[in-house]
């Protein structure tokens, strides 16, 4: 039976540490192989979240699968297959609160495509959070659930595209657009999480917006 340990062992054969542990953390949320020095560095720079399973994993998975399937099958069928793969991925890596939240929201968005309706981020967020609390009320006190929910809420409320005046699409403008979008997304994700992080860990990373901007792509 193929497990996370199988893939982690393969990664360890191909890469040295700390690269192997970092890749395993990014792909599967496996933190066991991370050294104390690497964890401390990620914490200091405010990038520890990259080795935690989150909505980004679901977004990448759903995007790649759906985009590939659309070359061969209809959109509705591709969306249904993608939903099943999301469910399979959640069971494969383990149903942590953050990945379940992302999976529910991703499935809602894909179901909206299947039914020919538009999806609304805030409504999807409310449905996902309320469903999770009803299924497991203890999650409301889980820090990973709180951080995931608050980061997503911040991106929904403040991470939207700001309309810009029409300007020539030269390379400098496109570069600035990328920087602006990534910085907005980074800051919006931290609006509600910084107070919670400070409350629990009594520290915040002042360089977090810069480091997350550099690694966001």
C-alpha atoms as a PDB file:
ATOM      1  CA  UNK A   1       0.000   0.000   0.000  1.00  0.00           C
ATOM      2  CA  UNK A   2       1.367   3.410  -1.014  1.00  0.00           C
ATOM      3  CA  UNK A   3       1.569   5.808   1.933  1.00  0.00           C
ATOM      4  CA  UNK A   4       3.111   9.177   2.724  1.00  0.00           C
ATOM      5  CA  UNK A   5       6.060   7.294   4.209  1.00  0.00           C
ATOM      6  CA  UNK A   6       6.646   5.685   0.796  1.00  0.00           C
ATOM      7  CA  UNK A   7       6.913   9.068  -0.920  1.00  0.00           C
ATOM      8  CA  UNK A   8       8.970  10.515   1.932  1.00  0.00           C
ATOM      9  CA  UNK A   9      11.462   7.659   1.636  1.00  0.00           C
ATOM     10  CA  UNK A  10      11.719   8.274  -2.114  1.00  0.00           C
ATOM     11  CA  UNK A  11      12.320  11.991  -1.554  1.00  0.00           C
ATOM     12  CA  UNK A  12      15.021  11.184   1.016  1.00  0.00           C
ATOM     13  CA  UNK A  13      16.779   9.045  -1.608  1.00  0.00           C
ATOM     14  CA  UNK A  14      16.740  11.834  -4.168  1.00  0.00           C
ATOM     15  CA  UNK A  15      17.517  14.878  -2.025  1.00  0.00           C
ATOM     16  CA  UNK A  16      19.746  15.649   0.969  1.00  0.00           C
ATOM     17  CA  UNK A  17      18.538  17.373   4.113  1.00  0.00           C
ATOM     18  CA  UNK A  18      17.169  19.912   4.769  1.00  0.00           C
ATOM     19  CA  UNK A  19      15.833  19.926   1.201  1.00  0.00           C
ATOM     20  CA  UNK A  20      14.155  16.501   1.519  1.00  0.00           C
ATOM     21  CA  UNK A  21      12.345  17.433   4.726  1.00  0.00           C
ATOM     22  CA  UNK A  22      11.240  20.759   3.280  1.00  0.00           C
ATOM     23  CA  UNK A  23       9.824  19.166   0.123  1.00  0.00           C
ATOM     24  CA  UNK A  24       8.005  16.468   2.127  1.00  0.00           C
ATOM     25  CA  UNK A  25       6.522  19.193   4.301  1.00  0.00           C
ATOM     26  CA  UNK A  26       5.366  21.266   1.339  1.00  0.00           C
ATOM     27  CA  UNK A  27       3.795  18.289  -0.463  1.00  0.00           C
ATOM     28  CA  UNK A  28       2.350  16.246   2.391  1.00  0.00           C
ATOM     29  CA  UNK A  29       2.637  18.345   5.560  1.00  0.00           C
ATOM     30  CA  UNK A  30       5.198  15.887   6.977  1.00  0.00           C
ATOM     31  CA  UNK A  31       7.127  17.751   9.667  1.00  0.00           C
ATOM     32  CA  UNK A  32       8.918  14.820  11.319  1.00  0.00           C
ATOM     33  CA  UNK A  33      12.010  15.174   9.129  1.00  0.00           C
ATOM     34  CA  UNK A  34      12.430  18.906   9.693  1.00  0.00           C
ATOM     35  CA  UNK A  35      15.434  19.895  11.767  1.00  0.00           C
ATOM     36  CA  UNK A  36      15.042  22.235  14.732  1.00  0.00           C
ATOM     37  CA  UNK A  37      17.169  24.813  12.928  1.00  0.00           C
ATOM     38  CA  UNK A  38      14.929  24.767   9.856  1.00  0.00           C
ATOM     39  CA  UNK A  39      11.757  25.014  11.945  1.00  0.00           C
ATOM     40  CA  UNK A  40      13.260  27.953  13.849  1.00  0.00           C
ATOM     41  CA  UNK A  41      14.202  29.656  10.581  1.00  0.00           C
ATOM     42  CA  UNK A  42      10.742  29.169   9.095  1.00  0.00           C
ATOM     43  CA  UNK A  43       9.161  30.492  12.290  1.00  0.00           C
ATOM     44  CA  UNK A  44      11.408  33.565  12.370  1.00  0.00           C
ATOM     45  CA  UNK A  45      10.646  34.420   8.760  1.00  0.00           C
ATOM     46  CA  UNK A  46       6.904  33.741   9.112  1.00  0.00           C
ATOM     47  CA  UNK A  47       6.973  30.951   6.525  1.00  0.00           C
ATOM     48  CA  UNK A  48       6.229  27.913   8.676  1.00  0.00           C
ATOM     49  CA  UNK A  49       2.879  27.650   6.921  1.00  0.00           C
ATOM     50  CA  UNK A  50       4.537  26.334   3.751  1.00  0.00           C
ATOM     51  CA  UNK A  51       5.155  22.971   5.464  1.00  0.00           C
ATOM     52  CA  UNK A  52       1.548  22.730   6.624  1.00  0.00           C
ATOM     53  CA  UNK A  53      -1.198  21.352   4.408  1.00  0.00           C
ATOM     54  CA  UNK A  54      -3.515  24.145   3.416  1.00  0.00           C
ATOM     55  CA  UNK A  55      -5.778  25.507   0.744  1.00  0.00           C
ATOM     56  CA  UNK A  56      -2.765  26.040  -1.505  1.00  0.00           C
ATOM     57  CA  UNK A  57      -2.255  22.272  -1.786  1.00  0.00           C
ATOM     58  CA  UNK A  58      -5.890  21.792  -2.775  1.00  0.00           C
ATOM     59  CA  UNK A  59      -5.773  24.747  -5.171  1.00  0.00           C
ATOM     60  CA  UNK A  60      -2.702  23.406  -6.972  1.00  0.00           C
ATOM     61  CA  UNK A  61      -4.083  19.864  -7.095  1.00  0.00           C
ATOM     62  CA  UNK A  62      -7.523  20.929  -8.319  1.00  0.00           C
ATOM     63  CA  UNK A  63      -6.085  23.382 -10.835  1.00  0.00           C
ATOM     64  CA  UNK A  64      -3.633  20.942 -12.403  1.00  0.00           C
ATOM     65  CA  UNK A  65      -6.077  18.033 -12.534  1.00  0.00           C
ATOM     66  CA  UNK A  66      -9.001  20.073 -13.815  1.00  0.00           C
ATOM     67  CA  UNK A  67      -6.891  21.837 -16.437  1.00  0.00           C
ATOM     68  CA  UNK A  68      -5.495  18.512 -17.673  1.00  0.00           C
ATOM     69  CA  UNK A  69      -8.874  16.757 -17.775  1.00  0.00           C
ATOM     70  CA  UNK A  70     -10.494  19.598 -19.707  1.00  0.00           C
ATOM     71  CA  UNK A  71      -8.338  18.656 -22.683  1.00  0.00           C
ATOM     72  CA  UNK A  72     -10.131  15.313 -22.932  1.00  0.00           C
ATOM     73  CA  UNK A  73     -13.543  15.488 -21.248  1.00  0.00           C
ATOM     74  CA  UNK A  74     -16.343  17.962 -20.639  1.00  0.00           C
ATOM     75  CA  UNK A  75     -16.086  20.572 -17.896  1.00  0.00           C
ATOM     76  CA  UNK A  76     -18.780  19.049 -15.696  1.00  0.00           C
ATOM     77  CA  UNK A  77     -17.237  15.596 -15.810  1.00  0.00           C
ATOM     78  CA  UNK A  78     -13.772  17.049 -15.163  1.00  0.00           C
ATOM     79  CA  UNK A  79     -15.124  18.939 -12.135  1.00  0.00           C
ATOM     80  CA  UNK A  80     -16.707  15.788 -10.673  1.00  0.00           C
ATOM     81  CA  UNK A  81     -13.500  13.783 -11.178  1.00  0.00           C
ATOM     82  CA  UNK A  82     -11.496  16.581  -9.546  1.00  0.00           C
ATOM     83  CA  UNK A  83     -13.815  16.557  -6.527  1.00  0.00           C
ATOM     84  CA  UNK A  84     -13.255  12.818  -6.108  1.00  0.00           C
ATOM     85  CA  UNK A  85      -9.493  13.317  -6.319  1.00  0.00           C
ATOM     86  CA  UNK A  86      -9.670  16.051  -3.674  1.00  0.00           C
ATOM     87  CA  UNK A  87     -11.525  13.664  -1.361  1.00  0.00           C
ATOM     88  CA  UNK A  88      -8.935  10.969  -2.064  1.00  0.00           C
ATOM     89  CA  UNK A  89      -6.075  13.381  -1.356  1.00  0.00           C
ATOM     90  CA  UNK A  90      -7.627  14.365   1.992  1.00  0.00           C
ATOM     91  CA  UNK A  91      -7.848  10.724   3.071  1.00  0.00           C
ATOM     92  CA  UNK A  92      -4.311  10.087   1.806  1.00  0.00           C
ATOM     93  CA  UNK A  93      -2.625  12.897   3.762  1.00  0.00           C
ATOM     94  CA  UNK A  94      -4.978  12.762   6.750  1.00  0.00           C
ATOM     95  CA  UNK A  95      -8.091  14.827   7.488  1.00  0.00           C
ATOM     96  CA  UNK A  96      -6.569  17.811   9.281  1.00  0.00           C
ATOM     97  CA  UNK A  97      -8.900  20.801   9.880  1.00  0.00           C
ATOM     98  CA  UNK A  98      -7.097  23.106   7.425  1.00  0.00           C
ATOM     99  CA  UNK A  99      -7.136  20.603   4.557  1.00  0.00           C
ATOM    100  CA  UNK A 100     -10.774  19.646   5.195  1.00  0.00           C
ATOM    101  CA  UNK A 101     -11.764  23.322   5.101  1.00  0.00           C
ATOM    102  CA  UNK A 102      -9.918  23.783   1.828  1.00  0.00           C
ATOM    103  CA  UNK A 103     -11.418  20.601   0.405  1.00  0.00           C
ATOM    104  CA  UNK A 104     -14.976  21.635   1.222  1.00  0.00           C
ATOM    105  CA  UNK A 105     -14.523  25.078  -0.303  1.00  0.00           C
ATOM    106  CA  UNK A 106     -12.870  23.603  -3.387  1.00  0.00           C
ATOM    107  CA  UNK A 107     -15.673  21.087  -3.800  1.00  0.00           C
ATOM    108  CA  UNK A 108     -18.309  23.818  -3.461  1.00  0.00           C
ATOM    109  CA  UNK A 109     -16.618  25.856  -6.190  1.00  0.00           C
ATOM    110  CA  UNK A 110     -16.451  22.842  -8.500  1.00  0.00           C
ATOM    111  CA  UNK A 111     -20.072  21.900  -7.778  1.00  0.00           C
ATOM    112  CA  UNK A 112     -21.040  25.437  -8.755  1.00  0.00           C
ATOM    113  CA  UNK A 113     -19.372  24.807 -12.126  1.00  0.00           C
ATOM    114  CA  UNK A 114     -21.183  21.489 -12.502  1.00  0.00           C
ATOM    115  CA  UNK A 115     -24.560  23.102 -11.788  1.00  0.00           C
ATOM    116  CA  UNK A 116     -23.834  26.083 -14.024  1.00  0.00           C
ATOM    117  CA  UNK A 117     -23.937  28.568 -11.146  1.00  0.00           C
ATOM    118  CA  UNK A 118     -21.521  31.201  -9.955  1.00  0.00           C
ATOM    119  CA  UNK A 119     -19.633  30.586  -6.735  1.00  0.00           C
ATOM    120  CA  UNK A 120     -19.251  33.164  -3.975  1.00  0.00           C
ATOM    121  CA  UNK A 121     -16.140  32.973  -1.807  1.00  0.00           C
ATOM    122  CA  UNK A 122     -17.677  34.258   1.416  1.00  0.00           C
ATOM    123  CA  UNK A 123     -20.677  31.945   1.129  1.00  0.00           C
ATOM    124  CA  UNK A 124     -18.385  28.968   0.473  1.00  0.00           C
ATOM    125  CA  UNK A 125     -16.333  29.940   3.523  1.00  0.00           C
ATOM    126  CA  UNK A 126     -19.417  30.188   5.740  1.00  0.00           C
ATOM    127  CA  UNK A 127     -20.751  26.832   4.538  1.00  0.00           C
ATOM    128  CA  UNK A 128     -17.379  25.115   5.039  1.00  0.00           C
ATOM    129  CA  UNK A 129     -16.772  26.525   8.521  1.00  0.00           C
ATOM    130  CA  UNK A 130     -20.307  25.902   9.780  1.00  0.00           C
ATOM    131  CA  UNK A 131     -20.288  22.334   8.401  1.00  0.00           C
ATOM    132  CA  UNK A 132     -16.996  21.550  10.112  1.00  0.00           C
ATOM    133  CA  UNK A 133     -18.133  22.936  13.467  1.00  0.00           C
ATOM    134  CA  UNK A 134     -21.369  20.961  13.265  1.00  0.00           C
ATOM    135  CA  UNK A 135     -19.478  17.759  12.456  1.00  0.00           C
ATOM    136  CA  UNK A 136     -16.787  18.298  15.098  1.00  0.00           C
ATOM    137  CA  UNK A 137     -17.405  21.156  17.581  1.00  0.00           C
ATOM    138  CA  UNK A 138     -13.973  20.624  19.163  1.00  0.00           C
ATOM    139  CA  UNK A 139     -12.332  21.999  16.019  1.00  0.00           C
ATOM    140  CA  UNK A 140     -13.367  25.499  17.024  1.00  0.00           C
ATOM    141  CA  UNK A 141     -10.598  25.430  19.671  1.00  0.00           C
ATOM    142  CA  UNK A 142      -8.016  23.917  17.286  1.00  0.00           C
ATOM    143  CA  UNK A 143      -5.303  26.456  16.419  1.00  0.00           C
ATOM    144  CA  UNK A 144      -4.723  25.136  12.895  1.00  0.00           C
ATOM    145  CA  UNK A 145      -8.455  25.389  12.205  1.00  0.00           C
ATOM    146  CA  UNK A 146      -8.549  28.944  13.551  1.00  0.00           C
ATOM    147  CA  UNK A 147      -5.533  30.064  11.511  1.00  0.00           C
ATOM    148  CA  UNK A 148      -6.817  28.418   8.334  1.00  0.00           C
ATOM    149  CA  UNK A 149     -10.298  29.913   8.727  1.00  0.00           C
ATOM    150  CA  UNK A 150      -9.050  33.414   9.559  1.00  0.00           C
ATOM    151  CA  UNK A 151      -6.396  33.483   6.817  1.00  0.00           C
ATOM    152  CA  UNK A 152      -8.977  32.419   4.239  1.00  0.00           C
ATOM    153  CA  UNK A 153     -11.486  34.990   5.478  1.00  0.00           C
ATOM    154  CA  UNK A 154      -8.870  37.714   5.173  1.00  0.00           C
ATOM    155  CA  UNK A 155      -8.038  36.714   1.589  1.00  0.00           C
ATOM    156  CA  UNK A 156     -11.727  36.627   0.660  1.00  0.00           C
ATOM    157  CA  UNK A 157     -12.451  40.047   2.153  1.00  0.00           C
ATOM    158  CA  UNK A 158      -9.274  41.929   1.276  1.00  0.00           C
ATOM    159  CA  UNK A 159      -7.408  39.902  -1.343  1.00  0.00           C
ATOM    160  CA  UNK A 160      -9.607  40.751  -4.320  1.00  0.00           C
ATOM    161  CA  UNK A 161      -8.281  42.423  -7.419  1.00  0.00           C
ATOM    162  CA  UNK A 162      -8.302  46.205  -7.274  1.00  0.00           C
ATOM    163  CA  UNK A 163      -9.321  47.816 -10.511  1.00  0.00           C
ATOM    164  CA  UNK A 164      -6.435  49.661 -12.184  1.00  0.00           C
ATOM    165  CA  UNK A 165      -6.523  52.295 -14.894  1.00  0.00           C
ATOM    166  CA  UNK A 166      -5.678  51.183 -18.402  1.00  0.00           C
ATOM    167  CA  UNK A 167      -1.948  51.395 -18.975  1.00  0.00           C
ATOM    168  CA  UNK A 168       0.364  49.822 -21.530  1.00  0.00           C
ATOM    169  CA  UNK A 169       1.046  46.144 -20.773  1.00  0.00           C
ATOM    170  CA  UNK A 170       4.839  46.401 -20.801  1.00  0.00           C
ATOM    171  CA  UNK A 171       7.087  44.031 -18.865  1.00  0.00           C
ATOM    172  CA  UNK A 172       7.666  46.485 -16.001  1.00  0.00           C
ATOM    173  CA  UNK A 173       3.932  46.957 -15.495  1.00  0.00           C
ATOM    174  CA  UNK A 174       3.306  43.203 -15.584  1.00  0.00           C
ATOM    175  CA  UNK A 175       6.081  42.644 -13.034  1.00  0.00           C
ATOM    176  CA  UNK A 176       4.630  45.283 -10.732  1.00  0.00           C
ATOM    177  CA  UNK A 177       1.176  43.717 -11.130  1.00  0.00           C
ATOM    178  CA  UNK A 178       2.545  40.370  -9.935  1.00  0.00           C
ATOM    179  CA  UNK A 179       4.299  41.976  -6.963  1.00  0.00           C
ATOM    180  CA  UNK A 180       1.212  43.996  -6.056  1.00  0.00           C
ATOM    181  CA  UNK A 181      -1.121  40.993  -6.254  1.00  0.00           C
ATOM    182  CA  UNK A 182       1.178  38.773  -4.185  1.00  0.00           C
ATOM    183  CA  UNK A 183       1.734  41.462  -1.554  1.00  0.00           C
ATOM    184  CA  UNK A 184      -2.006  42.114  -1.287  1.00  0.00           C
ATOM    185  CA  UNK A 185      -2.697  38.406  -0.918  1.00  0.00           C
ATOM    186  CA  UNK A 186       0.022  38.013   1.727  1.00  0.00           C
ATOM    187  CA  UNK A 187      -1.167  40.973   3.801  1.00  0.00           C
ATOM    188  CA  UNK A 188      -4.826  40.025   3.515  1.00  0.00           C
ATOM    189  CA  UNK A 189      -4.063  36.505   4.785  1.00  0.00           C
ATOM    190  CA  UNK A 190      -2.355  38.003   7.847  1.00  0.00           C
ATOM    191  CA  UNK A 191      -4.976  40.596   8.796  1.00  0.00           C
ATOM    192  CA  UNK A 192      -6.785  38.265  11.183  1.00  0.00           C
ATOM    193  CA  UNK A 193      -4.020  35.738  11.891  1.00  0.00           C
ATOM    194  CA  UNK A 194      -1.338  38.079  13.300  1.00  0.00           C
ATOM    195  CA  UNK A 195      -3.315  38.858  16.496  1.00  0.00           C
ATOM    196  CA  UNK A 196      -3.984  35.147  17.006  1.00  0.00           C
ATOM    197  CA  UNK A 197      -0.346  34.209  16.421  1.00  0.00           C
ATOM    198  CA  UNK A 198       0.820  36.881  18.859  1.00  0.00           C
ATOM    199  CA  UNK A 199      -1.720  35.682  21.441  1.00  0.00           C
ATOM    200  CA  UNK A 200      -0.507  32.074  21.252  1.00  0.00           C
ATOM    201  CA  UNK A 201       3.221  32.484  20.598  1.00  0.00           C
ATOM    202  CA  UNK A 202       3.883  35.997  21.965  1.00  0.00           C
ATOM    203  CA  UNK A 203       5.865  36.867  18.851  1.00  0.00           C
ATOM    204  CA  UNK A 204       5.304  38.039  15.310  1.00  0.00           C
ATOM    205  CA  UNK A 205       7.564  38.130  12.278  1.00  0.00           C
ATOM    206  CA  UNK A 206       8.052  41.670  11.000  1.00  0.00           C
ATOM    207  CA  UNK A 207       9.710  40.415   7.814  1.00  0.00           C
ATOM    208  CA  UNK A 208       6.898  37.955   7.078  1.00  0.00           C
ATOM    209  CA  UNK A 209       5.276  40.115   4.337  1.00  0.00           C
ATOM    210  CA  UNK A 210       8.615  40.331   2.489  1.00  0.00           C
ATOM    211  CA  UNK A 211       9.518  36.650   2.830  1.00  0.00           C
ATOM    212  CA  UNK A 212       6.044  35.534   1.778  1.00  0.00           C
ATOM    213  CA  UNK A 213       6.168  37.885  -1.175  1.00  0.00           C
ATOM    214  CA  UNK A 214       9.465  36.297  -2.269  1.00  0.00           C
ATOM    215  CA  UNK A 215       8.212  32.695  -1.955  1.00  0.00           C
ATOM    216  CA  UNK A 216       4.572  33.229  -2.971  1.00  0.00           C
ATOM    217  CA  UNK A 217       5.099  32.317  -6.599  1.00  0.00           C
END
